[in-house]
Amino acid sequence: MKKMILVLVTVFILVILASCQSTGPGPTVWIDQPLNGSKHSVKDVIIQTHASDKDGVEEIQFFIADEQIWVQKASGEQLAEAKYVWLPTSPGKYMIGVKAIDAKGDVSGLTKIQIEIMDGIIDEIQAEASLTPQIFCEVSELKAPELLLPDDGAQIKGTPNLEWSYPEGECEPQAFVIDISPDSSFSDVSLGFGTMDLKETSRQLPLETGKCYFWRVHVITPGGVGPNSTIRSFCVNQPVLPTEQTTTITLTDNANCRTAPGKDYPVMGSAIKGNSYEMIGRKSNNAWFKIIIGSIPSGCWVASSTGSVSGDLDQVEIIEDIPLITPSVSPFIITTAIVDTQPPEISEITISPPVVSAVSPIPCPGATAITVTVIASDAISSIRVYAENPETGEYKEMNDIGNHQFQTTLSPGNLPGQKSILIHAYDGNGNYARGDWATFTVIPCLQ
């Protein structure tokens, strides 16, 4: 019974936290304690808060009502913690607020809660434990969820966003389970995930481009599993990478990329059919374009007949003053381009520690970050490797630590449960590889 109460208290705290976070521009900031609506005696009240921002958190500000009472400098890390001990002077209801500022000077919205200061001693732990337990549905009462987005058969560019819902009723299930499979038989649902509760009814999920997927949703309750929703499918297409300000050429065939505009000039590298390349120069007659490829950041030239142009050619610089280099005096050997179409290889992914404590609602001693290490290589060119935590939105380039090993650290997030990390690798010729999902577990810490 005590374990059940502890679980219910944990879920309640997580729900309160989700409603007490800023969502405006700038950092995300939330109040760990005290809890919104909690009651306290006239004594020291510990205000504890965390803030996160991809550019780093520089400062956290504390407010009572609209009056700033304290400013704590942060270390510039992506996740920062701050505490302030406040002594209320008299009973009453008080608004506590916090703001955060990132390294760019962007300021978050004001995250605020309200607490009540009362005469006498308030047993907060007993008050939390007396929460009315949630009544879950029996298995026979469970219904099939409804799929909302994407539409069946949709063609999606970039990261798909899955949305679903559950019919209202007199009881509720415990959580959702989302099955995602490359085939309609759902023989492999390793791409799927589960939710902590019923509050999450959508998620953006990075999936490999160029493939189609089937998905469905069902609910669970402590007594068992509910019926599946209908099945839908969608396909993920390669996103359009260039921005509107970038003029590009998308190759319709493999092409030699040369030192200068002309077939008599030496070959520096190869451009790959189907890839889009940024244009940084052109001949005035638009017969040749200077492009950037991964292995030659200074640029090289391809014939305009090898692809189609997107964007405004007038924004691309005209380059006419090009010294003539003939094969007889060229320091290069003219050869047929070696076309690299093989993606990098990702052979091993490890996460340490495999089990980590959540950084809130109550911070725990020990690790508050995970270290991701991956072995990746490419036979032809150098590679860049990235680690992604889809739940927190972190997407970090990994450091090359030698022997084909790449490493970085990520925040584990605040919600307990089994989590997944995704690895992306790109070689110098634009080939892409995605590693298998690597998992770790976040556990709550109540002390």
Protein backbone atom coordinates (compact mmCIF):
# COMPACT_ATOMS: atom_id res chain seq x y z
CA MET A 1 0.00 0.00 0.00
CA LYS A 2 2.86 2.37 0.87
CA LYS A 3 4.45 1.72 -2.53
CA MET A 4 1.16 2.53 -4.29
CA ILE A 5 0.85 5.83 -2.39
CA LEU A 6 4.43 6.72 -3.30
CA VAL A 7 3.75 6.07 -7.00
CA LEU A 8 0.58 8.19 -6.88
CA VAL A 9 2.43 11.04 -5.19
CA THR A 10 5.15 10.86 -7.84
CA VAL A 11 2.62 11.01 -10.69
CA PHE A 12 0.87 13.94 -9.00
CA ILE A 13 4.13 15.87 -8.69
CA LEU A 14 4.98 15.29 -12.35
CA VAL A 15 1.53 16.51 -13.43
CA ILE A 16 1.92 19.67 -11.32
CA LEU A 17 5.37 20.31 -12.79
CA ALA A 18 4.06 20.00 -16.33
CA SER A 19 1.58 22.80 -15.59
CA CYS A 20 4.16 25.03 -13.85
CA GLN A 21 6.68 25.57 -16.63
CA SER A 22 7.24 28.61 -18.78
CA THR A 23 6.53 28.11 -22.48
CA GLY A 24 7.46 31.50 -23.91
CA PRO A 25 10.65 32.54 -25.73
CA GLY A 26 13.97 32.11 -23.99
CA PRO A 27 14.82 29.34 -21.51
CA THR A 28 12.39 26.85 -20.05
CA VAL A 29 12.13 27.30 -16.28
CA TRP A 30 10.14 25.36 -13.69
CA ILE A 31 9.61 25.33 -9.93
CA ASP A 32 10.46 22.04 -8.21
CA GLN A 33 9.28 23.09 -4.78
CA PRO A 34 7.10 24.21 -3.11
CA LEU A 35 4.18 22.65 -4.94
CA ASN A 36 1.45 24.81 -6.43
CA GLY A 37 -1.43 25.15 -3.96
CA SER A 38 0.54 23.75 -1.02
CA LYS A 39 0.14 25.04 2.53
CA HIS A 40 3.01 26.02 4.85
CA SER A 41 3.52 27.36 8.35
CA VAL A 42 5.16 30.72 8.98
CA LYS A 43 8.72 29.50 8.66
CA ASP A 44 11.51 29.28 6.09
CA VAL A 45 10.18 28.19 2.68
CA ILE A 46 12.75 26.65 0.32
CA ILE A 47 12.14 27.73 -3.28
CA GLN A 48 13.94 25.37 -5.65
CA THR A 49 13.92 25.78 -9.42
CA HIS A 50 15.59 24.47 -12.58
CA ALA A 51 16.03 26.10 -15.98
CA SER A 52 17.21 24.74 -19.31
CA ASP A 53 18.24 26.30 -22.62
CA LYS A 54 20.31 25.03 -25.56
CA ASP A 55 22.38 28.24 -25.48
CA GLY A 56 23.14 27.92 -21.76
CA VAL A 57 21.45 29.44 -18.68
CA GLU A 58 23.14 32.58 -17.30
CA GLU A 59 20.77 33.82 -14.59
CA ILE A 60 17.68 32.80 -12.57
CA GLN A 61 15.47 35.44 -10.93
CA PHE A 62 13.07 34.94 -7.97
CA PHE A 63 9.86 36.95 -7.39
CA ILE A 64 7.24 37.30 -4.67
CA ALA A 65 4.18 38.81 -6.33
CA ASP A 66 5.75 41.23 -8.86
CA GLU A 67 8.74 42.15 -6.68
CA GLN A 68 12.13 40.64 -7.49
CA ILE A 69 13.68 39.31 -4.28
CA TRP A 70 16.80 37.46 -5.47
CA VAL A 71 18.99 36.87 -8.52
CA GLN A 72 21.25 33.85 -8.77
CA LYS A 73 23.94 33.63 -11.42
CA ALA A 74 24.20 30.31 -13.28
CA SER A 75 27.21 28.57 -14.77
CA GLY A 76 26.16 28.86 -18.42
CA GLU A 77 25.36 25.14 -18.70
CA GLN A 78 22.28 23.95 -20.59
CA LEU A 79 20.66 22.84 -17.31
CA ALA A 80 20.92 25.03 -14.18
CA GLU A 81 19.57 24.76 -10.62
CA ALA A 82 18.90 27.57 -8.13
CA LYS A 83 17.58 27.75 -4.55
CA TYR A 84 16.39 30.57 -2.32
CA VAL A 85 15.22 30.42 1.30
CA TRP A 86 12.30 32.79 1.80
CA LEU A 87 10.90 33.77 5.20
CA PRO A 88 7.26 34.91 4.96
CA THR A 89 6.30 37.63 7.45
CA SER A 90 2.62 36.80 7.94
CA PRO A 91 -0.12 34.32 6.98
CA GLY A 92 -1.79 34.71 3.59
CA LYS A 93 -1.67 33.62 -0.04
CA TYR A 94 1.52 34.40 -1.95
CA MET A 95 2.50 34.20 -5.60
CA ILE A 96 6.03 32.83 -6.16
CA GLY A 97 7.58 33.36 -9.59
CA VAL A 98 10.85 32.63 -11.40
CA LYS A 99 12.42 33.78 -14.67
CA ALA A 100 15.59 32.69 -16.47
CA ILE A 101 17.95 34.41 -18.93
CA ASP A 102 20.09 32.53 -21.46
CA ALA A 103 23.54 33.33 -22.87
CA LYS A 104 21.99 35.31 -25.76
CA GLY A 105 20.02 37.52 -23.38
CA ASP A 106 16.66 35.93 -24.15
CA VAL A 107 14.34 36.01 -21.13
CA SER A 108 11.80 33.30 -20.31
CA GLY A 109 8.23 33.97 -19.38
CA LEU A 110 7.36 34.19 -15.69
CA THR A 111 6.66 30.74 -14.21
CA LYS A 112 4.53 31.14 -11.12
CA ILE A 113 2.73 29.18 -8.43
CA GLN A 114 0.58 30.15 -5.46
CA ILE A 115 1.05 28.86 -1.92
CA GLU A 116 -0.72 29.61 1.36
CA ILE A 117 1.07 30.53 4.59
CA MET A 118 -0.97 29.49 7.63
CA ASP A 119 -0.74 29.76 11.40
CA GLY A 120 0.26 26.49 13.07
CA ILE A 121 2.16 23.49 11.70
CA ILE A 122 1.19 21.96 8.36
CA ASP A 123 2.16 18.36 7.75
CA GLU A 124 2.80 18.62 4.01
CA ILE A 125 3.81 15.01 3.55
CA GLN A 126 0.60 13.79 5.18
CA ALA A 127 -1.40 16.21 3.03
CA GLU A 128 0.16 14.82 -0.15
CA ALA A 129 -0.38 11.22 0.95
CA SER A 130 -4.08 11.90 1.54
CA LEU A 131 -4.70 12.55 -2.15
CA THR A 132 -7.64 10.59 -3.50
CA PRO A 133 -6.24 7.56 -5.39
CA GLN A 134 -7.01 7.50 -9.09
CA ILE A 135 -9.52 4.83 -10.10
CA PHE A 136 -8.41 3.03 -13.27
CA CYS A 137 -10.71 1.21 -15.68
CA GLU A 138 -11.22 -2.51 -15.53
CA VAL A 139 -9.95 -4.32 -18.62
CA SER A 140 -13.50 -4.90 -19.84
CA GLU A 141 -14.15 -1.14 -19.72
CA LEU A 142 -11.18 -0.15 -21.90
CA LYS A 143 -11.89 1.37 -25.31
CA ALA A 144 -9.85 1.72 -28.49
CA PRO A 145 -8.06 5.08 -28.92
CA GLU A 146 -8.60 7.20 -32.03
CA LEU A 147 -5.77 8.15 -34.42
CA LEU A 148 -5.79 11.84 -35.43
CA LEU A 149 -2.60 12.63 -37.36
CA PRO A 150 -1.00 11.95 -39.75
CA ASP A 151 -3.71 11.00 -42.23
CA ASP A 152 -3.66 7.44 -43.50
CA GLY A 153 -1.22 7.18 -46.42
CA ALA A 154 0.32 10.60 -45.74
CA GLN A 155 3.67 11.59 -47.31
CA ILE A 156 5.67 13.47 -44.65
CA LYS A 157 8.80 15.56 -45.09
CA GLY A 158 11.05 15.63 -42.02
CA THR A 159 10.04 14.44 -38.55
CA PRO A 160 6.48 13.07 -38.33
CA ASN A 161 4.18 14.21 -35.51
CA LEU A 162 1.84 11.49 -34.23
CA GLU A 163 -1.43 12.55 -32.55
CA TRP A 164 -4.16 10.41 -30.95
CA SER A 165 -6.99 10.65 -28.39
CA TYR A 166 -9.05 8.50 -26.00
CA PRO A 167 -12.86 8.62 -25.68
CA GLU A 168 -14.18 10.25 -22.52
CA GLY A 169 -15.80 7.95 -19.98
CA GLU A 170 -16.48 7.31 -16.30
CA CYS A 171 -13.05 5.74 -15.77
CA GLU A 172 -9.59 6.20 -17.24
CA PRO A 173 -6.83 3.85 -18.34
CA GLN A 174 -3.32 4.24 -16.95
CA ALA A 175 -1.27 5.09 -20.09
CA PHE A 176 -0.95 4.76 -23.87
CA VAL A 177 1.20 2.31 -25.84
CA ILE A 178 2.11 3.32 -29.39
CA ASP A 179 3.15 0.54 -31.79
CA ILE A 180 5.21 1.54 -34.86
CA SER A 181 6.34 -1.07 -37.36
CA PRO A 182 7.77 -1.24 -40.89
CA ASP A 183 5.09 -3.83 -41.78
CA SER A 184 1.36 -4.16 -41.20
CA SER A 185 1.75 -7.38 -39.20
CA PHE A 186 3.55 -5.47 -36.42
CA SER A 187 6.09 -8.28 -36.07
CA ASP A 188 8.66 -5.64 -34.98
CA VAL A 189 7.44 -2.78 -32.77
CA SER A 190 10.85 -1.71 -31.46
CA LEU A 191 10.31 1.81 -32.87
CA GLY A 192 7.25 2.30 -30.65
CA PHE A 193 7.02 3.82 -27.17
CA GLY A 194 4.79 4.15 -24.11
CA THR A 195 3.59 7.21 -22.21
CA MET A 196 3.71 7.91 -18.47
CA ASP A 197 -0.01 8.73 -18.31
CA LEU A 198 -2.89 10.02 -20.44
CA LYS A 199 -1.60 13.60 -20.65
CA GLU A 200 0.66 12.88 -23.61
CA THR A 201 -1.45 12.54 -26.77
CA SER A 202 1.15 13.54 -29.37
CA ARG A 203 4.86 13.11 -30.01
CA GLN A 204 7.37 14.03 -32.69
CA LEU A 205 9.35 10.91 -33.54
CA PRO A 206 12.50 10.91 -35.73
CA LEU A 207 12.21 8.06 -38.21
CA GLU A 208 14.45 7.02 -41.08
CA THR A 209 13.63 8.82 -44.31
CA GLY A 210 12.75 6.97 -47.49
CA LYS A 211 10.65 4.37 -45.64
CA CYS A 212 6.98 3.77 -44.84
CA TYR A 213 5.58 2.85 -41.42
CA PHE A 214 2.40 1.44 -39.87
CA TRP A 215 1.14 2.57 -36.46
CA ARG A 216 -1.62 1.92 -33.95
CA VAL A 217 -2.37 2.80 -30.31
CA HIS A 218 -3.85 0.95 -27.34
CA VAL A 219 -4.16 1.67 -23.63
CA ILE A 220 -3.08 -0.23 -20.54
CA THR A 221 -4.46 -0.45 -17.02
CA PRO A 222 -3.09 -2.28 -13.97
CA GLY A 223 -5.31 -5.21 -14.88
CA GLY A 224 -4.34 -5.62 -18.55
CA VAL A 225 -4.34 -4.28 -22.11
CA GLY A 226 -7.11 -2.59 -24.07
CA PRO A 227 -8.13 -3.02 -27.73
CA ASN A 228 -6.05 -1.55 -30.56
CA SER A 229 -7.05 1.48 -32.56
CA THR A 230 -7.40 1.26 -36.32
CA ILE A 231 -4.12 0.94 -38.26
CA ARG A 232 -2.74 3.80 -40.34
CA SER A 233 0.36 4.11 -42.50
CA PHE A 234 2.58 6.99 -43.56
CA CYS A 235 5.84 7.50 -45.45
CA VAL A 236 8.74 9.74 -44.43
CA ASN A 237 10.41 11.62 -47.28
CA GLN A 238 13.73 13.47 -47.28
CA PRO A 239 13.14 17.01 -45.98
CA VAL A 240 14.08 20.00 -48.10
CA LEU A 241 17.28 21.08 -46.35
CA PRO A 242 18.10 24.42 -48.04
CA THR A 243 16.40 27.55 -46.73
CA GLU A 244 14.56 30.03 -48.93
CA GLN A 245 17.66 32.27 -48.90
CA THR A 246 19.91 29.52 -50.29
CA THR A 247 20.21 28.80 -54.01
CA THR A 248 20.94 25.13 -54.69
CA ILE A 249 21.39 22.63 -57.47
CA THR A 250 19.87 19.17 -57.07
CA LEU A 251 21.75 16.65 -59.21
CA THR A 252 19.87 14.45 -61.63
CA ASP A 253 23.01 12.35 -62.19
CA ASN A 254 26.40 11.76 -60.54
CA ALA A 255 28.85 14.50 -61.55
CA ASN A 256 32.55 15.39 -61.43
CA CYS A 257 33.26 18.51 -59.36
CA ARG A 258 36.21 20.38 -60.93
CA THR A 259 38.76 23.03 -59.97
CA ALA A 260 37.28 25.49 -62.45
CA PRO A 261 34.32 25.75 -64.91
CA GLY A 262 35.17 23.50 -67.84
CA LYS A 263 35.64 19.84 -68.72
CA ASP A 264 39.38 20.41 -69.25
CA TYR A 265 39.89 21.28 -65.59
CA PRO A 266 41.00 18.64 -63.07
CA VAL A 267 38.49 16.72 -60.96
CA MET A 268 38.54 17.52 -57.23
CA GLY A 269 35.71 15.29 -56.05
CA SER A 270 32.29 13.91 -56.88
CA ALA A 271 28.75 15.20 -56.38
CA ILE A 272 26.03 12.61 -55.83
CA LYS A 273 22.79 12.12 -57.76
CA GLY A 274 19.75 13.19 -55.74
CA ASN A 275 21.69 15.44 -53.32
CA SER A 276 21.22 19.21 -53.13
CA TYR A 277 24.28 21.46 -52.95
CA GLU A 278 24.56 25.14 -52.05
CA MET A 279 25.77 27.37 -54.90
CA ILE A 280 28.45 29.96 -54.04
CA GLY A 281 29.37 31.09 -57.56
CA ARG A 282 28.40 30.89 -61.23
CA LYS A 283 29.48 31.81 -64.73
CA SER A 284 27.60 34.72 -66.26
CA ASN A 285 26.03 32.40 -68.85
CA ASN A 286 24.95 29.99 -66.04
CA ALA A 287 26.65 27.07 -67.77
CA TRP A 288 28.73 26.19 -64.67
CA PHE A 289 28.03 26.50 -60.95
CA LYS A 290 30.46 26.56 -58.02
CA ILE A 291 29.07 24.44 -55.18
CA ILE A 292 30.05 23.29 -51.71
CA ILE A 293 30.39 19.57 -51.06
CA GLY A 294 31.31 18.01 -47.73
CA SER A 295 34.85 16.97 -48.67
CA ILE A 296 35.67 20.32 -50.39
CA PRO A 297 34.36 23.21 -48.22
CA SER A 298 36.15 25.78 -50.44
CA GLY A 299 33.96 24.72 -53.37
CA CYS A 300 34.33 23.19 -56.82
CA TRP A 301 32.53 23.46 -60.18
CA VAL A 302 29.82 21.33 -61.82
CA ALA A 303 28.06 21.78 -65.16
CA SER A 304 24.55 23.24 -64.93
CA SER A 305 23.30 20.42 -67.18
CA THR A 306 23.86 17.91 -64.33
CA GLY A 307 20.94 19.12 -62.20
CA SER A 308 18.06 21.49 -61.55
CA VAL A 309 18.26 24.85 -59.74
CA SER A 310 16.18 25.94 -56.76
CA GLY A 311 16.25 29.52 -55.48
CA ASP A 312 17.28 32.89 -56.92
CA LEU A 313 20.26 32.74 -59.31
CA ASP A 314 20.59 36.53 -59.17
CA GLN A 315 21.75 36.20 -55.55
CA VAL A 316 24.68 33.96 -56.58
CA GLU A 317 27.98 35.76 -57.29
CA ILE A 318 29.26 35.77 -60.88
CA ILE A 319 32.87 34.58 -61.06
CA GLU A 320 34.72 35.31 -64.31
CA ASP A 321 38.39 35.82 -63.36
CA ILE A 322 39.51 32.17 -63.33
CA PRO A 323 43.09 31.24 -64.31
CA LEU A 324 43.37 28.67 -67.07
CA ILE A 325 44.72 25.30 -65.94
CA THR A 326 45.41 22.85 -68.73
CA PRO A 327 45.99 19.12 -68.32
CA SER A 328 49.64 19.55 -69.41
CA VAL A 329 50.51 21.81 -66.49
CA SER A 330 47.92 20.64 -64.01
CA PRO A 331 49.21 19.26 -60.72
CA PHE A 332 46.17 16.99 -60.70
CA ILE A 333 45.47 13.75 -62.52
CA ILE A 334 42.20 13.78 -64.40
CA THR A 335 40.33 10.61 -63.52
CA THR A 336 36.78 9.36 -63.59
CA ALA A 337 35.06 10.39 -60.37
CA ILE A 338 34.76 7.72 -57.70
CA VAL A 339 31.17 7.97 -56.58
CA ASP A 340 30.71 7.47 -52.86
CA THR A 341 27.20 6.16 -52.16
CA GLN A 342 28.00 4.12 -49.05
CA PRO A 343 26.75 5.58 -45.76
CA PRO A 344 28.87 5.56 -42.59
CA GLU A 345 28.81 2.48 -40.37
CA ILE A 346 27.56 2.68 -36.78
CA SER A 347 28.59 -0.50 -34.99
CA GLU A 348 28.16 0.07 -31.25
CA ILE A 349 26.28 2.46 -28.95
CA THR A 350 26.68 2.55 -25.16
CA ILE A 351 25.00 4.75 -22.53
CA SER A 352 26.49 5.29 -19.08
CA PRO A 353 25.03 5.03 -16.54
CA PRO A 354 22.21 2.82 -17.85
CA VAL A 355 19.98 3.89 -14.93
CA VAL A 356 19.92 7.54 -13.84
CA SER A 357 17.87 9.54 -11.33
CA ALA A 358 15.59 12.29 -12.58
CA VAL A 359 16.82 15.82 -11.91
CA SER A 360 13.40 16.78 -10.54
CA PRO A 361 10.96 17.00 -8.81
CA ILE A 362 13.43 16.41 -5.95
CA PRO A 363 17.12 16.29 -6.94
CA CYS A 364 19.05 13.14 -6.11
CA PRO A 365 22.74 12.73 -5.39
CA GLY A 366 24.74 11.10 -8.18
CA ALA A 367 24.51 11.35 -11.94
CA THR A 368 22.19 13.90 -13.55
CA ALA A 369 23.49 13.33 -17.08
CA ILE A 370 24.20 10.41 -19.37
CA THR A 371 27.35 9.82 -21.41
CA VAL A 372 26.72 8.46 -24.91
CA THR A 373 29.59 6.69 -26.71
CA VAL A 374 29.37 5.34 -30.26
CA ILE A 375 31.73 3.59 -32.66
CA ALA A 376 31.29 4.91 -36.22
CA SER A 377 33.44 5.00 -39.35
CA ASP A 378 33.45 5.59 -43.10
CA ALA A 379 35.80 3.95 -45.62
CA ILE A 380 36.16 7.01 -47.88
CA SER A 381 35.71 10.30 -46.02
CA SER A 382 35.55 11.86 -42.58
CA ILE A 383 32.25 11.78 -40.71
CA ARG A 384 30.23 13.86 -38.26
CA VAL A 385 28.16 12.10 -35.63
CA TYR A 386 25.23 13.50 -33.65
CA ALA A 387 23.30 12.22 -30.59
CA GLU A 388 19.62 13.06 -30.20
CA ASN A 389 17.30 12.78 -27.18
CA PRO A 390 13.83 13.09 -28.79
CA GLU A 391 12.13 13.67 -25.42
CA THR A 392 14.22 16.69 -24.37
CA GLY A 393 14.89 17.97 -27.89
CA GLU A 394 18.68 17.90 -27.39
CA TYR A 395 20.64 17.36 -30.63
CA LYS A 396 24.43 17.54 -30.07
CA GLU A 397 27.44 16.87 -32.26
CA MET A 398 29.61 14.18 -30.66
CA ASN A 399 33.35 14.63 -29.99
CA ASP A 400 35.85 12.44 -31.84
CA ILE A 401 37.86 10.76 -29.05
CA GLY A 402 39.95 8.51 -31.31
CA ASN A 403 39.81 4.91 -32.57
CA HIS A 404 36.55 5.68 -34.43
CA GLN A 405 34.85 6.52 -31.11
CA PHE A 406 32.58 9.55 -30.63
CA GLN A 407 31.24 10.77 -27.30
CA THR A 408 28.99 13.42 -25.71
CA THR A 409 26.75 13.99 -22.70
CA LEU A 410 22.99 14.56 -22.71
CA SER A 411 20.39 15.50 -20.13
CA PRO A 412 18.26 12.47 -19.21
CA GLY A 413 15.09 14.53 -18.79
CA ASN A 414 12.71 14.73 -15.85
CA LEU A 415 10.08 12.09 -16.59
CA PRO A 416 10.78 8.60 -15.19
CA GLY A 417 10.67 5.57 -17.49
CA GLN A 418 12.65 3.88 -20.27
CA LYS A 419 14.09 6.42 -22.72
CA SER A 420 15.74 6.16 -26.15
CA ILE A 421 18.70 7.91 -27.76
CA LEU A 422 19.11 8.17 -31.53
CA ILE A 423 22.46 8.42 -33.35
CA HIS A 424 22.90 10.17 -36.73
CA ALA A 425 26.07 10.03 -38.88
CA TYR A 426 26.93 11.94 -42.09
CA ASP A 427 29.97 11.46 -44.30
CA GLY A 428 31.73 14.09 -46.41
CA ASN A 429 29.71 13.24 -49.53
CA GLY A 430 26.29 13.65 -47.93
CA ASN A 431 25.54 9.98 -47.18
CA TYR A 432 23.51 9.43 -44.01
CA ALA A 433 23.22 6.58 -41.52
CA ARG A 434 21.08 6.17 -38.42
CA GLY A 435 21.98 3.85 -35.55
CA ASP A 436 19.66 1.51 -33.70
CA TRP A 437 17.77 2.98 -30.75
CA ALA A 438 19.86 2.87 -27.55
CA THR A 439 17.94 2.86 -24.27
CA PHE A 440 18.46 3.94 -20.67
CA THR A 441 16.13 4.24 -17.68
CA VAL A 442 15.21 7.31 -15.64
CA ILE A 443 13.96 6.63 -12.11
CA PRO A 444 12.25 9.12 -9.76
CA CYS A 445 13.97 10.18 -6.55
CA LEU A 446 11.88 11.04 -3.52
CA GLN A 447 13.90 11.56 -0.34
